Amino acid sequence: MRIDWLEDIIALLDTGSVVEAAVVRNISQSAFSRRIQTLEMLLDVTLVDRRSKPNQPAIALRNHEEKLREVARHQRNLIKQIQTESRSGSRLVVVACQHAITASLGPQIVKLVSGLGKAHVRLRSANLDECEALLLTGQADFSITYSLASDNPGYRDSITEEAFIADERLVPVYQAEQARQMLWRFHMGDLDMIAYPADVFLGNAIERYIFPGIERQCRLNIVAETALTLAAMQMATAGVGVAWVPEALAHTDLEGERLTNLSEQFGSLDMQIVARRRSGDTADLQSRIWRELARAGAVVP
């Protein structure tokens, strides 16, 4: 479909009338109507309900409004990407990272990728499932995510390649100045904590490997829940509750003694940071980036 035709349809959906859509598209009403009629003949569909006054988008068009808007967004993004690459001579590389990895390793990832030639990097921060979906649908060139040693990669074996980047630990942290009082309450049988939703990677991991041991010692009081590790760490820093966060993310606050690591009291969880790409990707720049990512510790100082 021609770009201008799709934009005509979106204008029609946005305004709800042929008259207003023509104004948005900066053409006369008669010219806009002719374009819509041409498109109707080519597609053999009715796009405008001409029984209504003023004419409005047909019900069939409204039924597919969300998909049409998604196609239009992808089309605009593609055009912007082509324009950017044309002006700068650089290639866009999309890396999907879990939120905490974006925060802790984002600068190193960008430095590594952009240093391998004319490339600019788009970091897509998302949860694990979204990162995998972006990779498998071709919306990302690479994904960088957490993994547990006990995880079964399953379908990834044939669809994606995986490379180890670094070891990581999920550690319990809390405001250093109030840690003594918090531990006293814990020994009295209560622990306030920041939780992650059970349907995200870290929430599921903590439910399986952390909660059972602690629940045998005390009563867990979940005072807040967030899917964002940065938000959980900030709440721990404010003394809201204990939060389990990736050690690399908390490194600066632990070194500065704003947070204290409570692994000895509550335990930690060993993880890995892994990179993935779709099997069979052979583009020169992507291959060079993959070789660097595949070197253990390539982006971790």
C-alpha atoms as a PDB file:
ATOM      1  CA  MET A   1       0.000   0.000   0.000  1.00  0.00           C
ATOM      2  CA  ARG A   2       1.254   3.462  -0.871  1.00  0.00           C
ATOM      3  CA  ILE A   3       2.364   5.590   2.055  1.00  0.00           C
ATOM      4  CA  ASP A   4      -0.010   8.447   1.257  1.00  0.00           C
ATOM      5  CA  TRP A   5      -2.978   6.078   1.052  1.00  0.00           C
ATOM      6  CA  LEU A   6      -2.288   4.705   4.519  1.00  0.00           C
ATOM      7  CA  GLU A   7      -1.928   8.227   5.899  1.00  0.00           C
ATOM      8  CA  ASP A   8      -5.260   9.123   4.261  1.00  0.00           C
ATOM      9  CA  ILE A   9      -6.937   6.233   6.071  1.00  0.00           C
ATOM     10  CA  ILE A  10      -5.391   7.245   9.406  1.00  0.00           C
ATOM     11  CA  ALA A  11      -6.556  10.830   8.895  1.00  0.00           C
ATOM     12  CA  LEU A  12     -10.053   9.518   8.209  1.00  0.00           C
ATOM     13  CA  LEU A  13      -9.979   7.454  11.393  1.00  0.00           C
ATOM     14  CA  ASP A  14      -8.533  10.332  13.428  1.00  0.00           C
ATOM     15  CA  THR A  15     -11.111  12.897  12.360  1.00  0.00           C
ATOM     16  CA  GLY A  16     -14.126  10.691  11.732  1.00  0.00           C
ATOM     17  CA  SER A  17     -15.163  12.555   8.574  1.00  0.00           C
ATOM     18  CA  VAL A  18     -14.058  13.040   4.977  1.00  0.00           C
ATOM     19  CA  VAL A  19     -14.269  16.829   5.250  1.00  0.00           C
ATOM     20  CA  GLU A  20     -11.985  17.106   8.296  1.00  0.00           C
ATOM     21  CA  ALA A  21      -9.607  14.423   6.998  1.00  0.00           C
ATOM     22  CA  ALA A  22      -9.096  16.469   3.825  1.00  0.00           C
ATOM     23  CA  VAL A  23      -8.127  19.463   5.964  1.00  0.00           C
ATOM     24  CA  VAL A  24      -5.628  17.353   7.913  1.00  0.00           C
ATOM     25  CA  ARG A  25      -4.120  16.047   4.667  1.00  0.00           C
ATOM     26  CA  ASN A  26      -3.983  19.600   3.297  1.00  0.00           C
ATOM     27  CA  ILE A  27      -5.899  18.858   0.091  1.00  0.00           C
ATOM     28  CA  SER A  28      -9.349  19.730  -1.179  1.00  0.00           C
ATOM     29  CA  GLN A  29     -12.334  17.648  -0.148  1.00  0.00           C
ATOM     30  CA  SER A  30     -12.955  16.566  -3.749  1.00  0.00           C
ATOM     31  CA  ALA A  31      -9.334  15.451  -4.217  1.00  0.00           C
ATOM     32  CA  PHE A  32      -9.394  13.527  -0.947  1.00  0.00           C
ATOM     33  CA  SER A  33     -12.696  11.856  -1.913  1.00  0.00           C
ATOM     34  CA  ARG A  34     -11.230  10.780  -5.271  1.00  0.00           C
ATOM     35  CA  ARG A  35      -8.198   9.243  -3.524  1.00  0.00           C
ATOM     36  CA  ILE A  36     -10.450   7.301  -1.177  1.00  0.00           C
ATOM     37  CA  GLN A  37     -12.622   6.109  -4.075  1.00  0.00           C
ATOM     38  CA  THR A  38      -9.520   4.964  -5.987  1.00  0.00           C
ATOM     39  CA  LEU A  39      -8.329   3.046  -2.962  1.00  0.00           C
ATOM     40  CA  GLU A  40     -11.762   1.444  -2.510  1.00  0.00           C
ATOM     41  CA  MET A  41     -11.695   0.219  -6.119  1.00  0.00           C
ATOM     42  CA  LEU A  42      -8.175  -1.172  -5.806  1.00  0.00           C
ATOM     43  CA  LEU A  43      -8.889  -2.980  -2.542  1.00  0.00           C
ATOM     44  CA  ASP A  44     -12.486  -3.853  -3.387  1.00  0.00           C
ATOM     45  CA  VAL A  45     -13.668  -2.662   0.014  1.00  0.00           C
ATOM     46  CA  THR A  46     -15.871   0.159   1.301  1.00  0.00           C
ATOM     47  CA  LEU A  47     -13.870   2.598   3.421  1.00  0.00           C
ATOM     48  CA  VAL A  48     -16.479   5.338   3.846  1.00  0.00           C
ATOM     49  CA  ASP A  49     -20.083   5.062   4.993  1.00  0.00           C
ATOM     50  CA  ARG A  50     -21.763   7.421   2.535  1.00  0.00           C
ATOM     51  CA  ARG A  51     -25.196   6.890   4.048  1.00  0.00           C
ATOM     52  CA  SER A  52     -24.190   8.954   7.053  1.00  0.00           C
ATOM     53  CA  LYS A  53     -24.102  12.745   6.966  1.00  0.00           C
ATOM     54  CA  PRO A  54     -21.341  13.776   7.093  1.00  0.00           C
ATOM     55  CA  ASN A  55     -19.630  10.748   5.563  1.00  0.00           C
ATOM     56  CA  GLN A  56     -17.789   8.678   8.188  1.00  0.00           C
ATOM     57  CA  PRO A  57     -15.340   5.731   8.250  1.00  0.00           C
ATOM     58  CA  ALA A  58     -17.063   2.437   7.449  1.00  0.00           C
ATOM     59  CA  ILE A  59     -17.637  -0.018  10.287  1.00  0.00           C
ATOM     60  CA  ALA A  60     -15.308  -2.554   8.621  1.00  0.00           C
ATOM     61  CA  LEU A  61     -12.546   0.056   8.684  1.00  0.00           C
ATOM     62  CA  ARG A  62     -13.186   0.815  12.351  1.00  0.00           C
ATOM     63  CA  ASN A  63     -12.993  -2.906  13.146  1.00  0.00           C
ATOM     64  CA  HIS A  64      -9.368  -2.948  11.987  1.00  0.00           C
ATOM     65  CA  GLU A  65      -8.408   0.470  13.318  1.00  0.00           C
ATOM     66  CA  GLU A  66      -5.817  -0.785  15.827  1.00  0.00           C
ATOM     67  CA  LYS A  67      -3.958  -2.877  13.256  1.00  0.00           C
ATOM     68  CA  LEU A  68      -3.999  -0.052  10.710  1.00  0.00           C
ATOM     69  CA  ARG A  69      -2.541   2.355  13.259  1.00  0.00           C
ATOM     70  CA  GLU A  70       0.159  -0.174  14.131  1.00  0.00           C
ATOM     71  CA  VAL A  71       1.095  -0.570  10.457  1.00  0.00           C
ATOM     72  CA  ALA A  72       1.226   3.218  10.100  1.00  0.00           C
ATOM     73  CA  ARG A  73       3.514   3.529  13.132  1.00  0.00           C
ATOM     74  CA  HIS A  74       5.870   0.863  11.789  1.00  0.00           C
ATOM     75  CA  GLN A  75       5.893   2.571   8.412  1.00  0.00           C
ATOM     76  CA  ARG A  76       6.733   5.979   9.896  1.00  0.00           C
ATOM     77  CA  ASN A  77       9.477   4.468  12.062  1.00  0.00           C
ATOM     78  CA  LEU A  78      10.959   2.692   9.051  1.00  0.00           C
ATOM     79  CA  ILE A  79      11.004   5.913   7.054  1.00  0.00           C
ATOM     80  CA  LYS A  80      12.676   7.772   9.941  1.00  0.00           C
ATOM     81  CA  GLN A  81      15.260   5.006  10.214  1.00  0.00           C
ATOM     82  CA  ILE A  82      16.031   5.180   6.486  1.00  0.00           C
ATOM     83  CA  GLN A  83      16.297   8.974   6.649  1.00  0.00           C
ATOM     84  CA  THR A  84      18.632   8.834   9.648  1.00  0.00           C
ATOM     85  CA  GLU A  85      20.885   6.257   8.021  1.00  0.00           C
ATOM     86  CA  SER A  86      20.885   8.212   4.762  1.00  0.00           C
ATOM     87  CA  ARG A  87      21.907  11.475   6.448  1.00  0.00           C
ATOM     88  CA  SER A  88      24.502  10.035   8.807  1.00  0.00           C
ATOM     89  CA  GLY A  89      25.730   7.035   6.846  1.00  0.00           C
ATOM     90  CA  SER A  90      25.241   4.968  10.011  1.00  0.00           C
ATOM     91  CA  ARG A  91      23.347   1.742  10.598  1.00  0.00           C
ATOM     92  CA  LEU A  92      20.696   1.370  13.296  1.00  0.00           C
ATOM     93  CA  VAL A  93      21.285  -1.536  15.676  1.00  0.00           C
ATOM     94  CA  VAL A  94      18.440  -2.391  18.064  1.00  0.00           C
ATOM     95  CA  VAL A  95      19.290  -4.112  21.348  1.00  0.00           C
ATOM     96  CA  ALA A  96      16.471  -5.283  23.625  1.00  0.00           C
ATOM     97  CA  CYS A  97      17.524  -5.353  27.293  1.00  0.00           C
ATOM     98  CA  GLN A  98      15.757  -6.132  30.525  1.00  0.00           C
ATOM     99  CA  HIS A  99      15.201  -2.927  32.487  1.00  0.00           C
ATOM    100  CA  ALA A 100      17.928  -3.486  35.095  1.00  0.00           C
ATOM    101  CA  ILE A 101      20.478  -4.372  32.410  1.00  0.00           C
ATOM    102  CA  THR A 102      19.677  -1.167  30.526  1.00  0.00           C
ATOM    103  CA  ALA A 103      20.335   0.794  33.722  1.00  0.00           C
ATOM    104  CA  SER A 104      23.503  -1.018  34.757  1.00  0.00           C
ATOM    105  CA  LEU A 105      25.176  -1.938  31.448  1.00  0.00           C
ATOM    106  CA  GLY A 106      23.512   0.419  28.956  1.00  0.00           C
ATOM    107  CA  PRO A 107      26.537   2.731  28.536  1.00  0.00           C
ATOM    108  CA  GLN A 108      28.942  -0.178  27.997  1.00  0.00           C
ATOM    109  CA  ILE A 109      26.603  -1.799  25.452  1.00  0.00           C
ATOM    110  CA  VAL A 110      26.266   1.436  23.477  1.00  0.00           C
ATOM    111  CA  LYS A 111      30.023   2.009  23.581  1.00  0.00           C
ATOM    112  CA  LEU A 112      30.757  -1.502  22.361  1.00  0.00           C
ATOM    113  CA  VAL A 113      28.280  -1.446  19.473  1.00  0.00           C
ATOM    114  CA  SER A 114      28.916   2.116  18.291  1.00  0.00           C
ATOM    115  CA  GLY A 115      32.656   1.500  18.396  1.00  0.00           C
ATOM    116  CA  LEU A 116      32.465  -1.190  15.712  1.00  0.00           C
ATOM    117  CA  GLY A 117      31.832   1.125  12.800  1.00  0.00           C
ATOM    118  CA  LYS A 118      29.145   3.523  11.689  1.00  0.00           C
ATOM    119  CA  ALA A 119      26.292   2.384  13.901  1.00  0.00           C
ATOM    120  CA  HIS A 120      23.920   4.065  16.274  1.00  0.00           C
ATOM    121  CA  VAL A 121      22.226   2.054  18.972  1.00  0.00           C
ATOM    122  CA  ARG A 122      18.613   1.946  20.058  1.00  0.00           C
ATOM    123  CA  LEU A 123      18.198   0.325  23.469  1.00  0.00           C
ATOM    124  CA  ARG A 124      14.723  -1.134  23.934  1.00  0.00           C
ATOM    125  CA  SER A 125      14.118  -1.586  27.654  1.00  0.00           C
ATOM    126  CA  ALA A 126      11.505  -4.254  28.392  1.00  0.00           C
ATOM    127  CA  ASN A 127      10.744  -7.307  30.493  1.00  0.00           C
ATOM    128  CA  LEU A 128      12.084 -10.740  29.547  1.00  0.00           C
ATOM    129  CA  ASP A 129       9.090 -11.882  27.490  1.00  0.00           C
ATOM    130  CA  GLU A 130       9.002  -8.625  25.554  1.00  0.00           C
ATOM    131  CA  CYS A 131      12.750  -8.816  24.851  1.00  0.00           C
ATOM    132  CA  GLU A 132      12.336 -12.310  23.440  1.00  0.00           C
ATOM    133  CA  ALA A 133       9.342 -11.238  21.343  1.00  0.00           C
ATOM    134  CA  LEU A 134      11.238  -8.250  19.924  1.00  0.00           C
ATOM    135  CA  LEU A 135      14.126 -10.527  18.965  1.00  0.00           C
ATOM    136  CA  LEU A 136      12.031 -13.297  17.422  1.00  0.00           C
ATOM    137  CA  THR A 137       9.873 -10.886  15.403  1.00  0.00           C
ATOM    138  CA  GLY A 138      12.916  -9.086  14.003  1.00  0.00           C
ATOM    139  CA  GLN A 139      12.239  -5.819  15.854  1.00  0.00           C
ATOM    140  CA  ALA A 140      15.563  -6.215  17.688  1.00  0.00           C
ATOM    141  CA  ASP A 141      18.926  -7.428  16.395  1.00  0.00           C
ATOM    142  CA  PHE A 142      20.040  -8.707  19.804  1.00  0.00           C
ATOM    143  CA  SER A 143      18.581  -9.287  23.243  1.00  0.00           C
ATOM    144  CA  ILE A 144      20.524  -9.096  26.492  1.00  0.00           C
ATOM    145  CA  THR A 145      18.714 -10.671  29.410  1.00  0.00           C
ATOM    146  CA  TYR A 146      19.096 -12.493  32.692  1.00  0.00           C
ATOM    147  CA  SER A 147      19.062 -16.265  32.904  1.00  0.00           C
ATOM    148  CA  LEU A 148      19.070 -18.806  35.709  1.00  0.00           C
ATOM    149  CA  ALA A 149      21.288 -21.868  35.513  1.00  0.00           C
ATOM    150  CA  SER A 150      18.220 -24.026  36.127  1.00  0.00           C
ATOM    151  CA  ASP A 151      16.257 -22.494  33.242  1.00  0.00           C
ATOM    152  CA  ASN A 152      15.550 -24.737  30.268  1.00  0.00           C
ATOM    153  CA  PRO A 153      16.117 -22.754  27.048  1.00  0.00           C
ATOM    154  CA  GLY A 154      13.741 -25.049  25.122  1.00  0.00           C
ATOM    155  CA  TYR A 155      12.794 -23.614  21.733  1.00  0.00           C
ATOM    156  CA  ARG A 156      15.643 -21.097  21.806  1.00  0.00           C
ATOM    157  CA  ASP A 157      18.108 -23.880  20.901  1.00  0.00           C
ATOM    158  CA  SER A 158      17.001 -23.944  17.273  1.00  0.00           C
ATOM    159  CA  ILE A 159      15.694 -20.412  16.789  1.00  0.00           C
ATOM    160  CA  THR A 160      18.347 -18.343  18.550  1.00  0.00           C
ATOM    161  CA  GLU A 161      22.020 -18.447  19.415  1.00  0.00           C
ATOM    162  CA  GLU A 162      23.086 -17.631  22.950  1.00  0.00           C
ATOM    163  CA  ALA A 163      26.335 -16.230  24.326  1.00  0.00           C
ATOM    164  CA  PHE A 164      27.365 -15.824  27.948  1.00  0.00           C
ATOM    165  CA  ILE A 165      28.306 -12.257  28.927  1.00  0.00           C
ATOM    166  CA  ALA A 166      28.739 -12.191  32.701  1.00  0.00           C
ATOM    167  CA  ASP A 167      27.753 -13.669  36.023  1.00  0.00           C
ATOM    168  CA  GLU A 168      25.323 -11.673  38.143  1.00  0.00           C
ATOM    169  CA  ARG A 169      23.740 -12.048  41.570  1.00  0.00           C
ATOM    170  CA  LEU A 170      20.335 -11.016  42.847  1.00  0.00           C
ATOM    171  CA  VAL A 171      20.989  -9.614  46.329  1.00  0.00           C
ATOM    172  CA  PRO A 172      18.757  -8.268  49.126  1.00  0.00           C
ATOM    173  CA  VAL A 173      19.467  -4.615  49.954  1.00  0.00           C
ATOM    174  CA  TYR A 174      18.170  -2.111  52.479  1.00  0.00           C
ATOM    175  CA  GLN A 175      18.948   1.381  53.719  1.00  0.00           C
ATOM    176  CA  ALA A 176      22.244   1.088  55.599  1.00  0.00           C
ATOM    177  CA  GLU A 177      21.353   3.432  58.471  1.00  0.00           C
ATOM    178  CA  GLN A 178      18.180   1.541  59.347  1.00  0.00           C
ATOM    179  CA  ALA A 179      19.435  -1.988  58.727  1.00  0.00           C
ATOM    180  CA  ARG A 180      19.919  -2.786  62.421  1.00  0.00           C
ATOM    181  CA  GLN A 181      16.291  -1.918  63.289  1.00  0.00           C
ATOM    182  CA  MET A 182      15.006  -3.849  60.283  1.00  0.00           C
ATOM    183  CA  LEU A 183      16.988  -6.950  61.290  1.00  0.00           C
ATOM    184  CA  TRP A 184      15.645  -6.673  64.828  1.00  0.00           C
ATOM    185  CA  ARG A 185      12.071  -6.737  63.445  1.00  0.00           C
ATOM    186  CA  PHE A 186      13.041  -9.692  61.273  1.00  0.00           C
ATOM    187  CA  HIS A 187      14.276 -11.656  64.300  1.00  0.00           C
ATOM    188  CA  MET A 188      10.992 -10.782  65.988  1.00  0.00           C
ATOM    189  CA  GLY A 189       9.168 -12.460  63.122  1.00  0.00           C
ATOM    190  CA  ASP A 190       8.378  -9.757  60.515  1.00  0.00           C
ATOM    191  CA  LEU A 191      10.045  -8.655  57.299  1.00  0.00           C
ATOM    192  CA  ASP A 192       8.849  -5.756  55.141  1.00  0.00           C
ATOM    193  CA  MET A 193       9.826  -6.245  51.531  1.00  0.00           C
ATOM    194  CA  ILE A 194       9.440  -4.856  48.034  1.00  0.00           C
ATOM    195  CA  ALA A 195       8.131  -7.500  45.631  1.00  0.00           C
ATOM    196  CA  TYR A 196       8.063  -7.921  41.868  1.00  0.00           C
ATOM    197  CA  PRO A 197       4.964  -9.184  40.035  1.00  0.00           C
ATOM    198  CA  ALA A 198       4.975 -12.981  39.820  1.00  0.00           C
ATOM    199  CA  ASP A 199       4.639 -12.855  36.020  1.00  0.00           C
ATOM    200  CA  VAL A 200       7.983 -11.088  35.462  1.00  0.00           C
ATOM    201  CA  PHE A 201      11.345 -12.858  35.463  1.00  0.00           C
ATOM    202  CA  LEU A 202      12.687 -11.588  38.814  1.00  0.00           C
ATOM    203  CA  GLY A 203       9.341 -12.014  40.552  1.00  0.00           C
ATOM    204  CA  ASN A 204       9.100 -15.611  39.418  1.00  0.00           C
ATOM    205  CA  ALA A 205      12.721 -16.329  40.407  1.00  0.00           C
ATOM    206  CA  ILE A 206      12.272 -14.862  43.901  1.00  0.00           C
ATOM    207  CA  GLU A 207       9.035 -16.771  44.461  1.00  0.00           C
ATOM    208  CA  ARG A 208      10.743 -20.045  43.556  1.00  0.00           C
ATOM    209  CA  TYR A 209      14.130 -19.663  45.211  1.00  0.00           C
ATOM    210  CA  ILE A 210      14.004 -16.907  47.864  1.00  0.00           C
ATOM    211  CA  PHE A 211      10.565 -16.839  49.459  1.00  0.00           C
ATOM    212  CA  PRO A 212      10.435 -20.476  50.660  1.00  0.00           C
ATOM    213  CA  GLY A 213      13.537 -20.106  52.823  1.00  0.00           C
ATOM    214  CA  ILE A 214      12.493 -16.779  54.347  1.00  0.00           C
ATOM    215  CA  GLU A 215       8.901 -17.826  54.988  1.00  0.00           C
ATOM    216  CA  ARG A 216      10.213 -20.596  57.230  1.00  0.00           C
ATOM    217  CA  GLN A 217      11.817 -17.907  59.423  1.00  0.00           C
ATOM    218  CA  CYS A 218       9.308 -15.060  59.517  1.00  0.00           C
ATOM    219  CA  ARG A 219       6.145 -13.514  58.166  1.00  0.00           C
ATOM    220  CA  LEU A 220       6.623 -11.624  54.875  1.00  0.00           C
ATOM    221  CA  ASN A 221       4.882  -8.268  54.614  1.00  0.00           C
ATOM    222  CA  ILE A 222       4.803  -7.105  50.984  1.00  0.00           C
ATOM    223  CA  VAL A 223       4.523  -3.341  51.372  1.00  0.00           C
ATOM    224  CA  ALA A 224       4.953  -2.472  47.691  1.00  0.00           C
ATOM    225  CA  GLU A 225       5.151  -4.177  44.300  1.00  0.00           C
ATOM    226  CA  THR A 226       6.858  -2.925  41.158  1.00  0.00           C
ATOM    227  CA  ALA A 227       8.174  -4.442  37.945  1.00  0.00           C
ATOM    228  CA  LEU A 228      11.060  -1.945  37.868  1.00  0.00           C
ATOM    229  CA  THR A 229      14.261  -2.856  39.706  1.00  0.00           C
ATOM    230  CA  LEU A 230      15.326   0.788  39.866  1.00  0.00           C
ATOM    231  CA  ALA A 231      12.088   1.673  41.664  1.00  0.00           C
ATOM    232  CA  ALA A 232      12.528  -1.286  44.047  1.00  0.00           C
ATOM    233  CA  MET A 233      16.069  -0.174  44.848  1.00  0.00           C
ATOM    234  CA  GLN A 234      14.961   3.406  45.495  1.00  0.00           C
ATOM    235  CA  MET A 235      12.289   2.175  47.891  1.00  0.00           C
ATOM    236  CA  ALA A 236      14.872   0.074  49.699  1.00  0.00           C
ATOM    237  CA  THR A 237      17.112   3.153  49.930  1.00  0.00           C
ATOM    238  CA  ALA A 238      14.187   5.060  51.465  1.00  0.00           C
ATOM    239  CA  GLY A 239      13.687   2.339  54.088  1.00  0.00           C
ATOM    240  CA  VAL A 240      10.341   1.141  52.715  1.00  0.00           C
ATOM    241  CA  GLY A 241      11.400  -2.510  52.686  1.00  0.00           C
ATOM    242  CA  VAL A 242      14.042  -5.010  51.631  1.00  0.00           C
ATOM    243  CA  ALA A 243      14.415  -5.366  47.858  1.00  0.00           C
ATOM    244  CA  TRP A 244      16.232  -8.023  45.839  1.00  0.00           C
ATOM    245  CA  VAL A 245      18.118  -6.308  43.013  1.00  0.00           C
ATOM    246  CA  PRO A 246      20.968  -7.207  40.628  1.00  0.00           C
ATOM    247  CA  GLU A 247      24.261  -6.546  42.408  1.00  0.00           C
ATOM    248  CA  ALA A 248      25.693  -4.578  39.474  1.00  0.00           C
ATOM    249  CA  LEU A 249      22.743  -2.206  39.636  1.00  0.00           C
ATOM    250  CA  ALA A 250      23.253  -1.561  43.363  1.00  0.00           C
ATOM    251  CA  HIS A 251      27.056  -1.424  43.202  1.00  0.00           C
ATOM    252  CA  THR A 252      27.411   2.354  43.535  1.00  0.00           C
ATOM    253  CA  ASP A 253      24.975   2.601  46.451  1.00  0.00           C
ATOM    254  CA  LEU A 254      26.597  -0.360  48.209  1.00  0.00           C
ATOM    255  CA  GLU A 255      30.049   1.165  47.771  1.00  0.00           C
ATOM    256  CA  GLY A 256      28.764   4.499  49.055  1.00  0.00           C
ATOM    257  CA  GLU A 257      27.167   2.745  52.042  1.00  0.00           C
ATOM    258  CA  ARG A 258      23.711   4.099  51.273  1.00  0.00           C
ATOM    259  CA  LEU A 259      22.587   0.488  50.972  1.00  0.00           C
ATOM    260  CA  THR A 260      23.733  -2.626  52.771  1.00  0.00           C
ATOM    261  CA  ASN A 261      23.914  -6.094  51.261  1.00  0.00           C
ATOM    262  CA  LEU A 262      21.916  -8.554  53.389  1.00  0.00           C
ATOM    263  CA  SER A 263      22.849 -11.737  51.513  1.00  0.00           C
ATOM    264  CA  GLU A 264      24.242 -13.353  54.672  1.00  0.00           C
ATOM    265  CA  GLN A 265      20.887 -12.974  56.410  1.00  0.00           C
ATOM    266  CA  PHE A 266      18.466 -13.621  53.531  1.00  0.00           C
ATOM    267  CA  GLY A 267      20.471 -15.323  50.795  1.00  0.00           C
ATOM    268  CA  SER A 268      21.173 -14.365  47.195  1.00  0.00           C
ATOM    269  CA  LEU A 269      20.465 -15.888  43.803  1.00  0.00           C
ATOM    270  CA  ASP A 270      23.107 -16.554  41.138  1.00  0.00           C
ATOM    271  CA  MET A 271      22.168 -15.475  37.622  1.00  0.00           C
ATOM    272  CA  GLN A 272      23.837 -14.992  34.268  1.00  0.00           C
ATOM    273  CA  ILE A 273      23.615 -12.194  31.728  1.00  0.00           C
ATOM    274  CA  VAL A 274      23.289 -13.665  28.245  1.00  0.00           C
ATOM    275  CA  ALA A 275      23.076 -12.234  24.741  1.00  0.00           C
ATOM    276  CA  ARG A 276      20.923 -13.782  22.020  1.00  0.00           C
ATOM    277  CA  ARG A 277      20.487 -13.311  18.312  1.00  0.00           C
ATOM    278  CA  ARG A 278      18.378 -15.087  15.710  1.00  0.00           C
ATOM    279  CA  SER A 279      20.099 -18.131  14.235  1.00  0.00           C
ATOM    280  CA  GLY A 280      21.334 -17.527  10.718  1.00  0.00           C
ATOM    281  CA  ASP A 281      21.801 -13.757  10.966  1.00  0.00           C
ATOM    282  CA  THR A 282      24.907 -13.118   8.846  1.00  0.00           C
ATOM    283  CA  ALA A 283      24.913  -9.361   8.174  1.00  0.00           C
ATOM    284  CA  ASP A 284      28.486  -8.106   8.476  1.00  0.00           C
ATOM    285  CA  LEU A 285      27.942  -5.509  11.200  1.00  0.00           C
ATOM    286  CA  GLN A 286      25.713  -7.803  13.263  1.00  0.00           C
ATOM    287  CA  SER A 287      28.272 -10.577  12.990  1.00  0.00           C
ATOM    288  CA  ARG A 288      31.038  -8.277  14.227  1.00  0.00           C
ATOM    289  CA  ILE A 289      28.902  -7.139  17.168  1.00  0.00           C
ATOM    290  CA  TRP A 290      28.028 -10.740  17.979  1.00  0.00           C
ATOM    291  CA  ARG A 291      31.669 -11.778  18.056  1.00  0.00           C
ATOM    292  CA  GLU A 292      32.378  -9.035  20.586  1.00  0.00           C
ATOM    293  CA  LEU A 293      29.331  -9.846  22.709  1.00  0.00           C
ATOM    294  CA  ALA A 294      30.261 -13.520  22.645  1.00  0.00           C
ATOM    295  CA  ARG A 295      33.573 -12.758  24.348  1.00  0.00           C
ATOM    296  CA  ALA A 296      32.897 -13.387  28.040  1.00  0.00           C
ATOM    297  CA  GLY A 297      32.762 -10.105  29.886  1.00  0.00           C
ATOM    298  CA  ALA A 298      32.881  -8.056  26.677  1.00  0.00           C
ATOM    299  CA  VAL A 299      30.613  -5.330  28.038  1.00  0.00           C
ATOM    300  CA  VAL A 300      31.343  -5.795  31.713  1.00  0.00           C
ATOM    301  CA  PRO A 301      34.400  -3.971  33.109  1.00  0.00           C
END
